[in-house]
Amino acid sequence: MIKVPFNELKLINKKYKKKFLYQVSDCIEKSNFIKGKYNRILDEIIKKKFQIKHSLLVKSGTDALIVALRSFNFKKNDEVITTANTWISSAYAISLNGATPVFVDINQNNFQMDIDCFKKKINKNTKALIVTHLYGCPNDMNKIKKICAKHKIKIIEDLAQAHLAKYNNKIVGNFGDVAILSFYPSKNLGALGDGGAIITNSSVIYKKCKLFANYGSNSFQDVDHKIIGINSRLDELQAAFLSEKIKNLEYEIKKRNQLAKIYNSYCKKIKIQNIKITKNSISSYHLYPVLIKRKRNFVKKLLKKRGIECKIHYEKPIHLQTAFKDLNYKKNSLPITEKIANQTLSLPFYNGISKNKIKYIFNNLESINKSLKL
């Protein structure tokens, strides 16, 4: 039996260890742990890599969403449309900013927001849209932008899984009013702990976010706090590690796309449905989900017994979770989302995985498929 972990962060991060230990020593020697030179270096690299004007480093991807949404000053009865087949942070950020999350269904091919469903949910209270480029696959941003421009709806792009993904040869994050990044350790650009960033081409949004994330003041030297804010900043050690790791981000995304071609060919061979990438897009392939149309949880257990660790993204859609029961969504209110939640299975997928392990994954999937007549 071959052991195939879902991810191998030690393998991915070991190349940065030597430089990082030097950076740690540098930080200790200079006693500079907050908002130091590595924060400034990382900010500049992010702006260049993502072709964006402003970058603000914060504690996490969740904080990035909360702070970014705060810049729009939502009022009671304001609604923000989003999807329910993602991590709960997007919905939390909406609620914590005093607005109401409105969930729309997804399409069956790329598991992204169904644009026709989005159009039907728009009303006079709709103020914003969170577009989550799930698994690294961009949505059709041209269509989305036209609809949002017509109805004066703000666009927040969630790039937590879509670092340097492209739509129409343009890096996602540049289509909306503001975008967020997550540096959670397992992300394509992962830190050694939590971390996140807000990116935008709007100086107004950037200044509002910076003010709120820094105790409501413009800087630590500002003795007059202008608003009630929070403390959300990326520590200098995480910034140091990411400032080195981000240099290889384009290369890592290219390798993930090459890896995906191998997985795609196996899926075609054994007739298992994988995610279809939006036309005119380049995915960052943060995850590689497939659909197991029957007995998904049982298949996951069988694979684990054979040493293959898989995960489910995401098993219980947000609209059916207890935290949002007051919104009164019922089962089958988002039929495609709920169907995909019962069928999706994320396979081990990371740069450095051996061809032997990939073959082992799909050989076992095929044998299980045949034995269970899936």
Protein backbone atom coordinates (compact mmCIF):
# COMPACT_ATOMS: atom_id res chain seq x y z
CA MET A 1 0.00 0.00 0.00
CA ILE A 2 1.22 3.49 -0.90
CA LYS A 3 0.58 6.38 1.50
CA VAL A 4 -0.80 9.44 -0.31
CA PRO A 5 -1.44 12.43 2.00
CA PHE A 6 -3.90 15.09 0.88
CA ASN A 7 -1.08 17.65 0.89
CA GLU A 8 2.61 17.73 1.76
CA LEU A 9 3.38 21.17 3.17
CA LYS A 10 6.81 20.06 4.38
CA LEU A 11 7.74 19.16 0.80
CA ILE A 12 6.36 22.45 -0.52
CA ASN A 13 7.98 24.72 2.10
CA LYS A 14 11.36 23.12 2.72
CA LYS A 15 13.04 25.08 -0.11
CA TYR A 16 12.36 28.33 1.81
CA LYS A 17 13.60 27.12 5.20
CA LYS A 18 17.20 28.33 5.00
CA LYS A 19 16.27 31.84 3.87
CA PHE A 20 13.48 32.06 6.43
CA LEU A 21 15.79 31.19 9.33
CA TYR A 22 18.02 34.07 8.23
CA GLN A 23 14.96 36.35 8.12
CA VAL A 24 13.94 35.29 11.65
CA SER A 25 17.41 36.16 12.89
CA ASP A 26 17.20 39.50 11.10
CA CYS A 27 13.88 40.32 12.77
CA ILE A 28 15.19 39.38 16.21
CA GLU A 29 18.40 41.38 15.76
CA LYS A 30 16.50 44.49 14.68
CA SER A 31 13.56 43.92 17.08
CA ASN A 32 11.19 44.71 14.23
CA PHE A 33 8.14 42.45 14.43
CA ILE A 34 5.17 44.58 13.33
CA LYS A 35 4.74 46.52 10.06
CA GLY A 36 8.46 46.32 9.28
CA LYS A 37 10.49 46.03 6.11
CA TYR A 38 9.19 42.57 5.16
CA ASN A 39 5.61 43.86 5.24
CA ARG A 40 6.68 46.66 2.90
CA ILE A 41 8.53 44.25 0.61
CA LEU A 42 5.58 41.86 0.43
CA ASP A 43 3.11 44.69 -0.24
CA GLU A 44 5.18 45.85 -3.20
CA ILE A 45 5.56 42.35 -4.65
CA ILE A 46 1.81 41.69 -4.33
CA LYS A 47 1.01 44.92 -6.19
CA LYS A 48 3.39 43.96 -8.97
CA LYS A 49 2.33 40.31 -9.22
CA PHE A 50 -1.40 41.03 -9.14
CA GLN A 51 -1.05 44.18 -11.29
CA ILE A 52 -2.95 46.21 -8.71
CA LYS A 53 -2.45 49.67 -7.18
CA HIS A 54 -2.96 49.01 -3.48
CA SER A 55 -2.25 46.14 -1.08
CA LEU A 56 -3.07 45.91 2.63
CA LEU A 57 -1.76 42.97 4.67
CA VAL A 58 -4.04 41.64 7.42
CA LYS A 59 -4.25 38.74 9.88
CA SER A 60 -6.22 36.28 7.75
CA GLY A 61 -8.39 35.81 4.67
CA THR A 62 -11.45 36.09 6.91
CA ASP A 63 -10.22 39.41 8.29
CA ALA A 64 -9.59 40.56 4.73
CA LEU A 65 -13.24 39.90 3.86
CA ILE A 66 -14.55 41.60 7.01
CA VAL A 67 -12.37 44.68 6.52
CA ALA A 68 -13.01 44.91 2.77
CA LEU A 69 -16.78 44.79 3.24
CA ARG A 70 -16.60 47.41 6.01
CA SER A 71 -15.44 49.93 3.39
CA PHE A 72 -18.92 49.89 1.79
CA ASN A 73 -20.76 51.07 4.94
CA PHE A 74 -23.71 48.69 4.63
CA LYS A 75 -26.95 49.64 6.33
CA LYS A 76 -29.88 47.66 7.73
CA ASN A 77 -31.74 45.68 5.04
CA ASP A 78 -28.79 45.86 2.62
CA GLU A 79 -28.15 42.54 0.89
CA VAL A 80 -24.96 40.96 -0.41
CA ILE A 81 -25.29 38.08 -2.84
CA THR A 82 -22.89 35.15 -2.62
CA THR A 83 -22.71 31.37 -3.00
CA ALA A 84 -23.16 28.70 -0.32
CA ASN A 85 -20.63 26.15 -1.63
CA THR A 86 -17.59 27.73 -0.04
CA TRP A 87 -15.98 28.27 3.34
CA ILE A 88 -18.24 30.14 5.75
CA SER A 89 -16.01 33.24 6.02
CA SER A 90 -17.74 35.07 3.16
CA ALA A 91 -21.16 34.80 4.78
CA TYR A 92 -19.76 35.69 8.22
CA ALA A 93 -18.14 38.82 6.80
CA ILE A 94 -21.48 39.94 5.35
CA SER A 95 -23.37 39.38 8.60
CA LEU A 96 -20.67 40.97 10.77
CA ASN A 97 -20.99 44.10 8.63
CA GLY A 98 -24.71 44.40 9.27
CA ALA A 99 -25.90 43.20 5.86
CA THR A 100 -27.84 40.07 4.91
CA PRO A 101 -26.23 37.27 2.88
CA VAL A 102 -28.36 36.12 -0.03
CA PHE A 103 -27.30 32.74 -1.42
CA VAL A 104 -27.58 31.79 -5.08
CA ASP A 105 -27.10 28.44 -6.77
CA ILE A 106 -24.11 27.29 -8.80
CA ASN A 107 -23.77 25.74 -12.23
CA GLN A 108 -23.01 22.08 -12.66
CA ASN A 109 -19.95 22.42 -14.88
CA ASN A 110 -17.49 24.63 -13.02
CA PHE A 111 -19.23 24.81 -9.60
CA GLN A 112 -19.16 28.64 -9.77
CA MET A 113 -22.08 31.00 -9.19
CA ASP A 114 -24.87 30.52 -11.74
CA ILE A 115 -25.14 33.93 -13.38
CA ASP A 116 -28.81 33.49 -14.34
CA CYS A 117 -29.64 32.67 -10.72
CA PHE A 118 -27.70 35.75 -9.64
CA LYS A 119 -29.74 38.00 -11.92
CA LYS A 120 -32.99 36.67 -10.48
CA LYS A 121 -31.94 37.50 -6.91
CA ILE A 122 -31.21 41.18 -7.58
CA ASN A 123 -33.60 43.66 -5.97
CA LYS A 124 -33.57 47.21 -4.59
CA ASN A 125 -31.69 46.05 -1.46
CA THR A 126 -28.86 44.38 -3.37
CA LYS A 127 -25.71 46.40 -2.72
CA ALA A 128 -22.84 44.00 -3.42
CA LEU A 129 -21.75 40.63 -4.75
CA ILE A 130 -18.98 38.37 -3.46
CA VAL A 131 -17.56 36.36 -6.35
CA THR A 132 -15.66 33.37 -4.99
CA HIS A 133 -13.38 31.93 -7.65
CA LEU A 134 -13.70 28.52 -6.04
CA TYR A 135 -10.94 25.90 -6.43
CA GLY A 136 -8.97 28.51 -8.41
CA CYS A 137 -11.43 28.57 -11.32
CA PRO A 138 -12.51 32.09 -12.39
CA ASN A 139 -16.12 32.84 -13.11
CA ASP A 140 -17.33 34.68 -16.25
CA MET A 141 -16.37 38.15 -15.07
CA ASN A 142 -17.40 39.98 -18.25
CA LYS A 143 -21.03 38.95 -17.78
CA ILE A 144 -20.90 39.63 -14.06
CA LYS A 145 -19.41 43.10 -14.52
CA LYS A 146 -22.12 44.12 -17.02
CA ILE A 147 -24.91 43.03 -14.68
CA CYS A 148 -23.35 44.74 -11.67
CA ALA A 149 -22.71 47.97 -13.58
CA LYS A 150 -26.34 48.06 -14.71
CA HIS A 151 -27.65 47.67 -11.14
CA LYS A 152 -24.85 49.62 -9.38
CA ILE A 153 -23.74 46.57 -7.43
CA LYS A 154 -20.26 46.52 -5.84
CA ILE A 155 -18.06 43.51 -6.62
CA ILE A 156 -15.83 41.82 -4.04
CA GLU A 157 -13.61 39.09 -5.53
CA ASP A 158 -12.61 36.28 -3.18
CA LEU A 159 -9.21 35.04 -4.39
CA ALA A 160 -8.49 32.84 -1.38
CA GLN A 161 -8.13 29.87 -3.74
CA ALA A 162 -7.35 31.77 -6.94
CA HIS A 163 -3.90 33.33 -6.65
CA LEU A 164 -2.90 34.60 -10.13
CA ALA A 165 -5.78 32.84 -11.88
CA LYS A 166 -6.76 34.65 -15.08
CA TYR A 167 -9.90 35.47 -17.03
CA ASN A 168 -9.49 36.82 -20.58
CA ASN A 169 -5.76 37.08 -19.89
CA LYS A 170 -6.39 39.42 -16.94
CA ILE A 171 -5.51 38.47 -13.37
CA VAL A 172 -8.63 38.00 -11.25
CA GLY A 173 -8.90 40.61 -8.55
CA ASN A 174 -8.82 43.36 -11.15
CA PHE A 175 -12.46 42.99 -12.24
CA GLY A 176 -14.23 44.17 -9.10
CA ASP A 177 -14.02 47.03 -6.62
CA VAL A 178 -11.89 45.12 -4.14
CA ALA A 179 -10.44 41.61 -3.76
CA ILE A 180 -9.07 39.51 -0.93
CA LEU A 181 -6.30 36.94 -0.57
CA SER A 182 -5.79 34.21 1.99
CA PHE A 183 -2.36 32.93 3.00
CA TYR A 184 -3.63 29.99 5.08
CA PRO A 185 -0.83 27.38 5.05
CA SER A 186 -2.48 25.06 2.51
CA LYS A 187 -3.19 27.82 -0.02
CA ASN A 188 -1.11 28.08 -3.20
CA LEU A 189 0.70 30.96 -1.51
CA GLY A 190 0.62 29.65 2.04
CA ALA A 191 2.20 31.16 5.13
CA LEU A 192 3.39 29.34 8.26
CA GLY A 193 0.18 30.39 9.98
CA ASP A 194 -2.74 32.67 9.21
CA GLY A 195 -2.45 35.65 6.92
CA GLY A 196 -4.36 37.60 4.31
CA ALA A 197 -4.42 40.69 2.14
CA ILE A 198 -6.83 43.18 0.59
CA ILE A 199 -6.04 44.41 -2.91
CA THR A 200 -7.78 47.17 -4.84
CA ASN A 201 -7.30 49.84 -7.49
CA SER A 202 -9.41 52.28 -5.45
CA SER A 203 -7.50 54.66 -3.18
CA VAL A 204 -10.78 55.44 -1.34
CA ILE A 205 -11.43 51.78 -0.49
CA TYR A 206 -7.78 51.24 0.43
CA LYS A 207 -7.77 54.17 2.87
CA LYS A 208 -11.03 53.03 4.51
CA CYS A 209 -9.69 49.50 4.93
CA LYS A 210 -6.36 50.70 6.28
CA LEU A 211 -8.11 52.94 8.82
CA PHE A 212 -10.45 50.23 10.09
CA ALA A 213 -7.73 47.54 10.27
CA ASN A 214 -5.39 49.77 12.28
CA TYR A 215 -7.47 50.62 15.36
CA GLY A 216 -9.28 53.35 13.42
CA SER A 217 -6.13 55.43 12.98
CA ASN A 218 -3.93 56.20 10.00
CA SER A 219 -0.73 55.03 11.69
CA PHE A 220 0.74 54.19 15.08
CA GLN A 221 1.98 57.77 15.31
CA ASP A 222 -1.57 59.12 14.92
CA VAL A 223 -2.80 59.85 18.46
CA ASP A 224 -6.33 60.66 17.26
CA HIS A 225 -8.33 57.55 16.34
CA LYS A 226 -10.85 58.61 13.69
CA ILE A 227 -13.25 55.64 13.89
CA ILE A 228 -13.79 52.52 15.98
CA GLY A 229 -11.56 49.96 14.31
CA ILE A 230 -9.88 46.62 14.91
CA ASN A 231 -6.34 45.30 15.05
CA SER A 232 -5.66 43.22 11.95
CA ARG A 233 -2.12 43.10 10.62
CA LEU A 234 0.25 40.48 9.27
CA ASP A 235 3.16 39.85 11.61
CA GLU A 236 6.64 40.45 10.28
CA LEU A 237 7.73 36.79 10.37
CA GLN A 238 4.84 35.69 8.16
CA ALA A 239 5.51 38.61 5.82
CA ALA A 240 9.17 37.60 5.63
CA PHE A 241 8.35 34.00 4.70
CA LEU A 242 5.74 35.04 2.11
CA SER A 243 8.01 37.71 0.60
CA GLU A 244 10.37 34.92 -0.43
CA LYS A 245 7.76 32.32 -1.36
CA ILE A 246 5.75 34.66 -3.59
CA LYS A 247 8.71 35.01 -5.95
CA ASN A 248 7.97 31.48 -7.25
CA LEU A 249 4.18 31.88 -7.45
CA GLU A 250 3.90 32.02 -11.26
CA TYR A 251 6.09 28.92 -11.55
CA GLU A 252 4.05 27.05 -8.94
CA ILE A 253 0.76 27.90 -10.72
CA LYS A 254 2.24 26.76 -14.04
CA LYS A 255 3.25 23.44 -12.46
CA ARG A 256 -0.25 23.00 -10.99
CA ASN A 257 -1.75 23.48 -14.44
CA GLN A 258 0.62 20.84 -15.85
CA LEU A 259 -0.36 18.53 -13.01
CA ALA A 260 -4.05 19.14 -13.71
CA LYS A 261 -3.60 17.97 -17.32
CA ILE A 262 -2.40 14.60 -16.00
CA TYR A 263 -5.37 14.36 -13.63
CA ASN A 264 -7.75 15.40 -16.43
CA SER A 265 -6.51 12.61 -18.67
CA TYR A 266 -7.03 10.04 -15.91
CA CYS A 267 -10.55 11.35 -15.23
CA LYS A 268 -11.39 11.04 -18.91
CA LYS A 269 -9.98 7.52 -19.02
CA ILE A 270 -11.95 6.20 -16.04
CA LYS A 271 -15.01 8.37 -16.77
CA ILE A 272 -15.12 10.42 -13.57
CA GLN A 273 -16.40 14.00 -13.82
CA ASN A 274 -13.96 16.74 -12.90
CA ILE A 275 -14.40 20.49 -12.77
CA LYS A 276 -14.69 22.25 -16.13
CA ILE A 277 -12.69 25.46 -16.37
CA THR A 278 -14.57 28.59 -17.47
CA LYS A 279 -13.98 29.53 -21.11
CA ASN A 280 -11.07 31.95 -21.68
CA SER A 281 -9.74 31.24 -18.19
CA ILE A 282 -6.59 29.93 -16.54
CA SER A 283 -7.22 28.25 -13.21
CA SER A 284 -4.75 28.31 -10.33
CA TYR A 285 -5.92 24.78 -9.41
CA HIS A 286 -5.87 25.20 -5.65
CA LEU A 287 -7.86 21.95 -5.33
CA TYR A 288 -8.80 19.12 -7.64
CA PRO A 289 -12.40 18.02 -6.98
CA VAL A 290 -14.16 15.17 -8.77
CA LEU A 291 -17.77 14.05 -8.55
CA ILE A 292 -18.62 10.68 -7.02
CA LYS A 293 -22.30 10.43 -7.89
CA ARG A 294 -23.14 7.59 -5.51
CA LYS A 295 -21.80 6.56 -2.09
CA ARG A 296 -19.26 9.40 -1.95
CA ASN A 297 -18.56 9.05 1.79
CA PHE A 298 -18.12 5.29 1.45
CA VAL A 299 -15.69 5.79 -1.44
CA LYS A 300 -13.73 8.27 0.70
CA LYS A 301 -13.47 5.64 3.47
CA LEU A 302 -12.32 2.95 1.03
CA LEU A 303 -9.64 5.26 -0.37
CA LYS A 304 -8.44 6.07 3.16
CA LYS A 305 -8.10 2.34 3.92
CA ARG A 306 -5.85 2.15 0.87
CA GLY A 307 -3.70 5.03 2.15
CA ILE A 308 -5.24 7.80 0.04
CA GLU A 309 -6.36 10.87 2.01
CA CYS A 310 -9.18 12.84 0.37
CA LYS A 311 -11.25 15.75 1.67
CA ILE A 312 -14.67 17.24 0.99
CA HIS A 313 -15.04 20.88 -0.08
CA TYR A 314 -17.69 21.61 1.14
CA GLU A 315 -19.85 18.99 2.86
CA LYS A 316 -22.59 21.20 4.31
CA PRO A 317 -23.55 24.29 2.29
CA ILE A 318 -23.62 27.53 4.27
CA HIS A 319 -27.35 28.15 3.77
CA LEU A 320 -28.16 24.92 5.66
CA GLN A 321 -25.81 25.53 8.59
CA THR A 322 -27.15 26.37 12.04
CA ALA A 323 -25.44 29.78 12.12
CA PHE A 324 -27.75 30.96 9.32
CA LYS A 325 -30.96 29.18 10.28
CA ASP A 326 -32.69 32.55 10.77
CA LEU A 327 -32.47 33.14 7.01
CA ASN A 328 -34.99 30.28 6.64
CA TYR A 329 -33.39 28.43 3.74
CA LYS A 330 -34.82 24.94 3.35
CA LYS A 331 -33.42 21.78 1.82
CA ASN A 332 -33.54 21.86 -1.99
CA SER A 333 -33.62 25.66 -2.04
CA LEU A 334 -30.25 25.53 -3.87
CA PRO A 335 -30.55 22.16 -5.63
CA ILE A 336 -27.26 22.13 -7.59
CA THR A 337 -25.26 23.36 -4.60
CA GLU A 338 -26.76 20.64 -2.41
CA LYS A 339 -26.25 17.93 -5.02
CA ILE A 340 -22.59 18.88 -5.53
CA ALA A 341 -22.08 18.96 -1.74
CA ASN A 342 -23.15 15.31 -1.63
CA GLN A 343 -20.93 14.27 -4.53
CA THR A 344 -17.73 16.30 -4.53
CA LEU A 345 -14.46 14.72 -3.40
CA SER A 346 -11.14 16.57 -3.43
CA LEU A 347 -8.23 14.35 -4.41
CA PRO A 348 -4.63 14.71 -3.17
CA PHE A 349 -3.18 17.40 -5.44
CA TYR A 350 0.04 19.33 -4.85
CA ASN A 351 3.27 20.20 -6.61
CA GLY A 352 5.80 17.47 -6.06
CA ILE A 353 3.37 14.55 -5.93
CA SER A 354 4.94 11.62 -7.78
CA LYS A 355 3.51 10.09 -10.95
CA ASN A 356 3.49 6.78 -9.11
CA LYS A 357 1.18 8.21 -6.43
CA ILE A 358 -1.10 9.79 -9.05
CA LYS A 359 -1.40 6.45 -10.84
CA TYR A 360 -2.13 4.76 -7.51
CA ILE A 361 -4.95 7.24 -6.77
CA PHE A 362 -6.70 6.72 -10.08
CA ASN A 363 -6.13 2.95 -10.23
CA ASN A 364 -7.91 2.68 -6.89
CA LEU A 365 -10.68 5.04 -7.97
CA GLU A 366 -11.20 2.92 -11.07
CA SER A 367 -11.30 -0.37 -9.15
CA ILE A 368 -13.73 1.06 -6.58
CA ASN A 369 -15.79 2.52 -9.39
CA LYS A 370 -16.10 -0.91 -11.03
CA SER A 371 -16.76 -2.85 -7.84
CA LEU A 372 -19.49 -0.47 -6.65
CA LYS A 373 -20.79 0.15 -10.21
CA LEU A 374 -20.69 3.90 -9.64
